[in-house]
Amino acid sequence: QVQLVESGGGLVQPGGSLRLSCVASGFTFVHYWMSWYRQVLGMLRVMVAGISRTRRSTPYLADVKVRFTISSDNANSTLFLPMTSLKPEATAVYYCARVEPDSGRVDYWGQGIQVTVSS
């Protein structure tokens, strides 16, 4: 059974940092492209960062590039998203996602974790 469990969210002041983690289980982690998405209430879910199966390609949403860095610990099937210099507009629910190789679409989502950037 595929499971993606996020942690590390919470409340942080503007300019602060958080690190999201996602522990994956039930599948061979390195066989899949993995991504982080975020969703603001009432808006579409948007991809923030992705990491390829080789872990060499890491595309980002333009607004977060440089400040967010996706990475993985393949030995422990864990995906990370350290976020620095956070802005209030980063407030959203963040989701870990597994991407199905053939279609390029997300086939599994984590439960989501709230990140709130506010003073």
N, C-alpha and C. Protein backbone atom coordinates (compact mmCIF):
# COMPACT_ATOMS: atom_id res chain seq x y z
N GLN A 1 0.85 -1.19 0.00
CA GLN A 1 0.00 0.00 0.00
C GLN A 1 0.89 1.25 0.00
N VAL A 2 0.68 2.09 -1.00
CA VAL A 2 1.47 3.31 -1.11
C VAL A 2 1.03 4.31 -0.03
N GLN A 3 2.02 4.85 0.66
CA GLN A 3 1.74 5.89 1.64
C GLN A 3 2.77 6.99 1.52
N LEU A 4 2.32 8.22 1.65
CA LEU A 4 3.17 9.40 1.67
C LEU A 4 2.76 10.22 2.89
N VAL A 5 3.68 10.40 3.82
CA VAL A 5 3.34 11.06 5.08
C VAL A 5 4.23 12.29 5.26
N GLU A 6 3.60 13.46 5.23
CA GLU A 6 4.34 14.71 5.36
C GLU A 6 4.47 15.13 6.82
N SER A 7 5.52 15.88 7.09
CA SER A 7 5.72 16.48 8.40
C SER A 7 6.55 17.74 8.25
N GLY A 8 6.62 18.54 9.31
CA GLY A 8 7.49 19.71 9.31
C GLY A 8 6.80 21.04 9.04
N GLY A 9 5.51 21.02 8.84
CA GLY A 9 4.81 22.28 8.60
C GLY A 9 4.60 23.03 9.90
N GLY A 10 3.90 24.17 9.80
CA GLY A 10 3.60 24.95 10.99
C GLY A 10 3.52 26.43 10.69
N LEU A 11 3.64 27.21 11.75
CA LEU A 11 3.57 28.67 11.66
C LEU A 11 4.98 29.24 11.74
N VAL A 12 5.28 30.14 10.84
CA VAL A 12 6.59 30.78 10.82
C VAL A 12 6.42 32.24 10.44
N GLN A 13 7.30 33.08 10.94
CA GLN A 13 7.24 34.50 10.60
C GLN A 13 7.81 34.74 9.21
N PRO A 14 7.39 35.81 8.55
CA PRO A 14 7.99 36.16 7.25
C PRO A 14 9.51 36.26 7.37
N GLY A 15 10.18 35.69 6.38
CA GLY A 15 11.63 35.64 6.40
C GLY A 15 12.19 34.41 7.06
N GLY A 16 11.34 33.64 7.72
CA GLY A 16 11.78 32.44 8.42
C GLY A 16 11.92 31.23 7.51
N SER A 17 12.23 30.09 8.15
CA SER A 17 12.49 28.86 7.40
C SER A 17 11.71 27.69 8.00
N LEU A 18 11.41 26.74 7.15
CA LEU A 18 10.83 25.47 7.56
C LEU A 18 11.41 24.40 6.66
N ARG A 19 11.40 23.16 7.14
CA ARG A 19 11.78 22.04 6.28
C ARG A 19 10.68 21.00 6.32
N LEU A 20 10.09 20.78 5.15
CA LEU A 20 9.09 19.73 5.03
C LEU A 20 9.76 18.39 4.72
N SER A 21 9.19 17.33 5.27
CA SER A 21 9.65 15.98 4.99
C SER A 21 8.46 15.13 4.55
N CYS A 22 8.76 14.13 3.75
CA CYS A 22 7.73 13.20 3.29
C CYS A 22 8.34 11.81 3.30
N VAL A 23 7.83 10.95 4.16
CA VAL A 23 8.30 9.57 4.20
C VAL A 23 7.40 8.73 3.30
N ALA A 24 8.02 8.07 2.34
CA ALA A 24 7.28 7.25 1.38
C ALA A 24 7.41 5.77 1.74
N SER A 25 6.38 5.01 1.50
CA SER A 25 6.41 3.57 1.73
C SER A 25 5.46 2.87 0.77
N GLY A 26 5.69 1.57 0.61
CA GLY A 26 4.80 0.78 -0.24
C GLY A 26 5.20 0.73 -1.70
N PHE A 27 6.32 1.33 -2.05
CA PHE A 27 6.79 1.28 -3.43
C PHE A 27 8.30 1.55 -3.45
N THR A 28 8.92 1.30 -4.60
CA THR A 28 10.36 1.53 -4.74
C THR A 28 10.59 3.00 -5.04
N PHE A 29 11.03 3.72 -4.04
CA PHE A 29 11.11 5.19 -4.07
C PHE A 29 11.88 5.72 -5.27
N VAL A 30 13.01 5.13 -5.58
CA VAL A 30 13.88 5.66 -6.63
C VAL A 30 13.35 5.37 -8.04
N HIS A 31 12.27 4.64 -8.14
CA HIS A 31 11.69 4.37 -9.45
C HIS A 31 10.73 5.47 -9.90
N TYR A 32 10.51 6.45 -9.04
CA TYR A 32 9.50 7.46 -9.32
C TYR A 32 10.01 8.87 -9.22
N TRP A 33 9.50 9.74 -10.12
CA TRP A 33 9.63 11.18 -9.98
C TRP A 33 8.72 11.56 -8.81
N MET A 34 9.24 12.42 -7.94
CA MET A 34 8.48 12.89 -6.78
C MET A 34 8.35 14.41 -6.84
N SER A 35 7.29 14.92 -6.26
CA SER A 35 7.05 16.35 -6.31
C SER A 35 6.44 16.88 -5.02
N TRP A 36 6.58 18.17 -4.83
CA TRP A 36 5.86 18.91 -3.80
C TRP A 36 4.89 19.86 -4.51
N TYR A 37 3.66 19.87 -4.03
CA TYR A 37 2.64 20.78 -4.51
C TYR A 37 2.14 21.62 -3.34
N ARG A 38 1.49 22.71 -3.67
CA ARG A 38 0.81 23.47 -2.62
C ARG A 38 -0.53 23.97 -3.14
N GLN A 39 -1.43 24.17 -2.20
CA GLN A 39 -2.77 24.62 -2.55
C GLN A 39 -3.27 25.65 -1.55
N VAL A 40 -3.60 26.80 -2.07
CA VAL A 40 -4.24 27.85 -1.28
C VAL A 40 -5.74 27.62 -1.35
N LEU A 41 -6.43 27.85 -0.26
CA LEU A 41 -7.87 27.62 -0.19
C LEU A 41 -8.57 28.31 -1.35
N GLY A 42 -9.33 27.53 -2.11
CA GLY A 42 -10.09 28.07 -3.23
C GLY A 42 -9.32 28.17 -4.53
N MET A 43 -8.06 27.77 -4.51
CA MET A 43 -7.22 27.86 -5.70
C MET A 43 -6.81 26.45 -6.16
N LEU A 44 -6.26 26.37 -7.35
CA LEU A 44 -5.77 25.10 -7.87
C LEU A 44 -4.50 24.67 -7.15
N ARG A 45 -4.28 23.38 -7.11
CA ARG A 45 -3.04 22.84 -6.55
C ARG A 45 -1.93 23.09 -7.58
N VAL A 46 -0.79 23.59 -7.12
CA VAL A 46 0.29 24.00 -8.01
C VAL A 46 1.57 23.27 -7.62
N MET A 47 2.32 22.80 -8.62
CA MET A 47 3.59 22.17 -8.33
C MET A 47 4.62 23.21 -7.91
N VAL A 48 5.27 22.95 -6.80
CA VAL A 48 6.29 23.85 -6.27
C VAL A 48 7.68 23.39 -6.69
N ALA A 49 7.93 22.10 -6.59
CA ALA A 49 9.24 21.54 -6.93
C ALA A 49 9.09 20.07 -7.25
N GLY A 50 9.97 19.58 -8.12
CA GLY A 50 9.97 18.17 -8.48
C GLY A 50 11.38 17.64 -8.49
N ILE A 51 11.50 16.32 -8.42
CA ILE A 51 12.82 15.69 -8.49
C ILE A 51 12.67 14.43 -9.32
N SER A 52 13.57 14.27 -10.29
CA SER A 52 13.46 13.16 -11.23
C SER A 52 13.87 11.84 -10.60
N ARG A 53 13.65 10.76 -11.33
CA ARG A 53 14.00 9.43 -10.82
C ARG A 53 15.50 9.31 -10.57
N THR A 54 16.32 9.94 -11.40
CA THR A 54 17.76 9.92 -11.19
C THR A 54 18.18 10.88 -10.09
N ARG A 55 17.24 11.76 -9.67
CA ARG A 55 17.48 12.80 -8.65
C ARG A 55 18.43 13.87 -9.17
N ARG A 56 18.60 13.94 -10.49
CA ARG A 56 19.50 14.95 -11.05
C ARG A 56 18.75 16.16 -11.58
N SER A 57 17.48 15.99 -11.91
CA SER A 57 16.69 17.09 -12.44
C SER A 57 15.73 17.58 -11.37
N THR A 58 15.72 18.89 -11.13
CA THR A 58 14.89 19.45 -10.06
C THR A 58 14.24 20.74 -10.53
N PRO A 59 13.14 20.66 -11.23
CA PRO A 59 12.44 21.88 -11.65
C PRO A 59 11.69 22.53 -10.49
N TYR A 60 11.55 23.85 -10.58
CA TYR A 60 10.90 24.61 -9.52
C TYR A 60 9.89 25.60 -10.09
N LEU A 61 8.90 25.91 -9.29
CA LEU A 61 8.06 27.05 -9.56
C LEU A 61 8.95 28.29 -9.51
N ALA A 62 8.81 29.17 -10.48
CA ALA A 62 9.73 30.31 -10.59
C ALA A 62 9.79 31.13 -9.30
N ASP A 63 8.67 31.27 -8.65
CA ASP A 63 8.60 32.13 -7.47
C ASP A 63 9.42 31.61 -6.29
N VAL A 64 9.72 30.30 -6.28
CA VAL A 64 10.40 29.73 -5.11
C VAL A 64 11.83 29.31 -5.40
N LYS A 65 12.21 29.38 -6.66
CA LYS A 65 13.55 28.94 -7.03
C LYS A 65 14.60 29.70 -6.21
N VAL A 66 15.63 29.01 -5.80
CA VAL A 66 16.71 29.53 -4.95
C VAL A 66 16.33 29.46 -3.48
N ARG A 67 15.11 29.83 -3.14
CA ARG A 67 14.72 29.83 -1.73
C ARG A 67 14.27 28.45 -1.25
N PHE A 68 13.76 27.61 -2.14
CA PHE A 68 13.35 26.26 -1.79
C PHE A 68 14.31 25.29 -2.49
N THR A 69 14.63 24.17 -1.84
CA THR A 69 15.55 23.19 -2.43
C THR A 69 15.03 21.79 -2.20
N ILE A 70 14.52 21.15 -3.22
CA ILE A 70 14.03 19.79 -3.07
C ILE A 70 15.20 18.82 -3.05
N SER A 71 15.09 17.79 -2.21
CA SER A 71 16.13 16.77 -2.15
C SER A 71 15.51 15.48 -1.64
N SER A 72 16.31 14.41 -1.69
CA SER A 72 15.78 13.13 -1.22
C SER A 72 16.86 12.33 -0.51
N ASP A 73 16.42 11.51 0.41
CA ASP A 73 17.27 10.51 1.06
C ASP A 73 16.74 9.17 0.56
N ASN A 74 17.38 8.66 -0.49
CA ASN A 74 16.85 7.46 -1.14
C ASN A 74 16.93 6.23 -0.24
N ALA A 75 17.94 6.17 0.61
CA ALA A 75 18.08 5.02 1.50
C ALA A 75 16.91 4.91 2.48
N ASN A 76 16.33 6.06 2.81
CA ASN A 76 15.22 6.09 3.76
C ASN A 76 13.90 6.50 3.12
N SER A 77 13.89 6.51 1.78
CA SER A 77 12.65 6.82 1.03
C SER A 77 11.98 8.09 1.55
N THR A 78 12.79 9.13 1.69
CA THR A 78 12.28 10.38 2.24
C THR A 78 12.55 11.54 1.30
N LEU A 79 11.56 12.36 1.11
CA LEU A 79 11.64 13.55 0.28
C LEU A 79 11.65 14.77 1.20
N PHE A 80 12.45 15.76 0.84
CA PHE A 80 12.56 16.96 1.67
C PHE A 80 12.26 18.21 0.85
N LEU A 81 11.83 19.25 1.58
CA LEU A 81 11.70 20.56 0.96
C LEU A 81 12.06 21.62 1.99
N PRO A 82 13.35 21.94 2.10
CA PRO A 82 13.73 23.06 2.95
C PRO A 82 13.28 24.35 2.29
N MET A 83 12.65 25.23 3.07
CA MET A 83 12.13 26.49 2.55
C MET A 83 12.70 27.64 3.37
N THR A 84 13.33 28.57 2.69
CA THR A 84 13.93 29.71 3.38
C THR A 84 13.31 31.02 2.89
N SER A 85 13.57 32.09 3.63
CA SER A 85 13.07 33.42 3.27
C SER A 85 11.58 33.37 2.92
N LEU A 86 10.84 32.74 3.77
CA LEU A 86 9.42 32.52 3.48
C LEU A 86 8.63 33.83 3.46
N LYS A 87 7.70 33.89 2.51
CA LYS A 87 6.84 35.05 2.35
C LYS A 87 5.40 34.68 2.73
N PRO A 88 4.59 35.64 3.12
CA PRO A 88 3.19 35.33 3.46
C PRO A 88 2.44 34.60 2.35
N GLU A 89 2.79 34.88 1.11
CA GLU A 89 2.09 34.22 -0.01
C GLU A 89 2.45 32.74 -0.14
N ALA A 90 3.41 32.27 0.63
CA ALA A 90 3.71 30.84 0.66
C ALA A 90 2.75 30.06 1.55
N THR A 91 1.90 30.77 2.25
CA THR A 91 0.90 30.12 3.10
C THR A 91 -0.02 29.24 2.26
N ALA A 92 -0.05 27.96 2.61
CA ALA A 92 -0.82 27.00 1.82
C ALA A 92 -0.75 25.64 2.51
N VAL A 93 -1.52 24.70 1.99
CA VAL A 93 -1.34 23.29 2.36
C VAL A 93 -0.37 22.69 1.35
N TYR A 94 0.66 22.05 1.85
CA TYR A 94 1.69 21.46 1.00
C TYR A 94 1.49 19.95 0.94
N TYR A 95 1.62 19.41 -0.28
CA TYR A 95 1.40 18.00 -0.50
C TYR A 95 2.62 17.36 -1.13
N CYS A 96 2.97 16.19 -0.65
CA CYS A 96 3.95 15.33 -1.29
C CYS A 96 3.21 14.50 -2.33
N ALA A 97 3.84 14.27 -3.47
CA ALA A 97 3.15 13.57 -4.55
C ALA A 97 4.08 12.61 -5.28
N ARG A 98 3.54 11.47 -5.66
CA ARG A 98 4.26 10.53 -6.51
C ARG A 98 3.74 10.67 -7.93
N VAL A 99 4.66 10.69 -8.89
CA VAL A 99 4.29 10.87 -10.29
C VAL A 99 4.38 9.54 -11.02
N GLU A 100 3.30 9.17 -11.68
CA GLU A 100 3.25 7.92 -12.44
C GLU A 100 4.14 8.08 -13.67
N PRO A 101 5.09 7.15 -13.91
CA PRO A 101 6.11 7.35 -14.95
C PRO A 101 5.57 7.49 -16.36
N ASP A 102 4.59 6.69 -16.73
CA ASP A 102 4.12 6.69 -18.12
C ASP A 102 3.29 7.93 -18.47
N SER A 103 2.44 8.33 -17.57
CA SER A 103 1.53 9.44 -17.86
C SER A 103 2.09 10.79 -17.43
N GLY A 104 3.03 10.77 -16.47
CA GLY A 104 3.53 12.02 -15.92
C GLY A 104 2.55 12.70 -14.98
N ARG A 105 1.52 12.00 -14.62
CA ARG A 105 0.52 12.57 -13.71
C ARG A 105 0.71 12.03 -12.30
N VAL A 106 0.26 12.79 -11.33
CA VAL A 106 0.32 12.35 -9.95
C VAL A 106 -0.67 11.21 -9.74
N ASP A 107 -0.15 10.11 -9.17
CA ASP A 107 -1.06 9.00 -8.90
C ASP A 107 -1.30 8.78 -7.41
N TYR A 108 -0.43 9.35 -6.57
CA TYR A 108 -0.66 9.30 -5.12
C TYR A 108 -0.29 10.63 -4.50
N TRP A 109 -1.12 11.03 -3.50
CA TRP A 109 -0.89 12.25 -2.75
C TRP A 109 -0.72 11.93 -1.27
N GLY A 110 0.09 12.74 -0.60
CA GLY A 110 0.09 12.69 0.85
C GLY A 110 -1.16 13.38 1.37
N GLN A 111 -1.29 13.40 2.69
CA GLN A 111 -2.49 13.96 3.30
C GLN A 111 -2.45 15.49 3.33
N GLY A 112 -1.28 16.05 3.11
CA GLY A 112 -1.14 17.50 3.13
C GLY A 112 -0.76 18.01 4.50
N ILE A 113 0.00 19.11 4.51
CA ILE A 113 0.42 19.71 5.77
C ILE A 113 0.37 21.24 5.62
N GLN A 114 -0.13 21.89 6.65
CA GLN A 114 -0.32 23.33 6.60
C GLN A 114 0.99 24.07 6.88
N VAL A 115 1.27 25.05 6.04
CA VAL A 115 2.36 26.00 6.26
C VAL A 115 1.72 27.39 6.31
N THR A 116 1.97 28.10 7.39
CA THR A 116 1.42 29.44 7.54
C THR A 116 2.56 30.41 7.80
N VAL A 117 2.66 31.42 6.96
CA VAL A 117 3.70 32.44 7.10
C VAL A 117 3.02 33.73 7.50
N SER A 118 3.21 34.10 8.75
CA SER A 118 2.50 35.27 9.28
C SER A 118 3.23 35.82 10.49
N SER A 119 3.14 37.12 10.66
CA SER A 119 3.71 37.76 11.85
C SER A 119 2.65 37.89 12.94
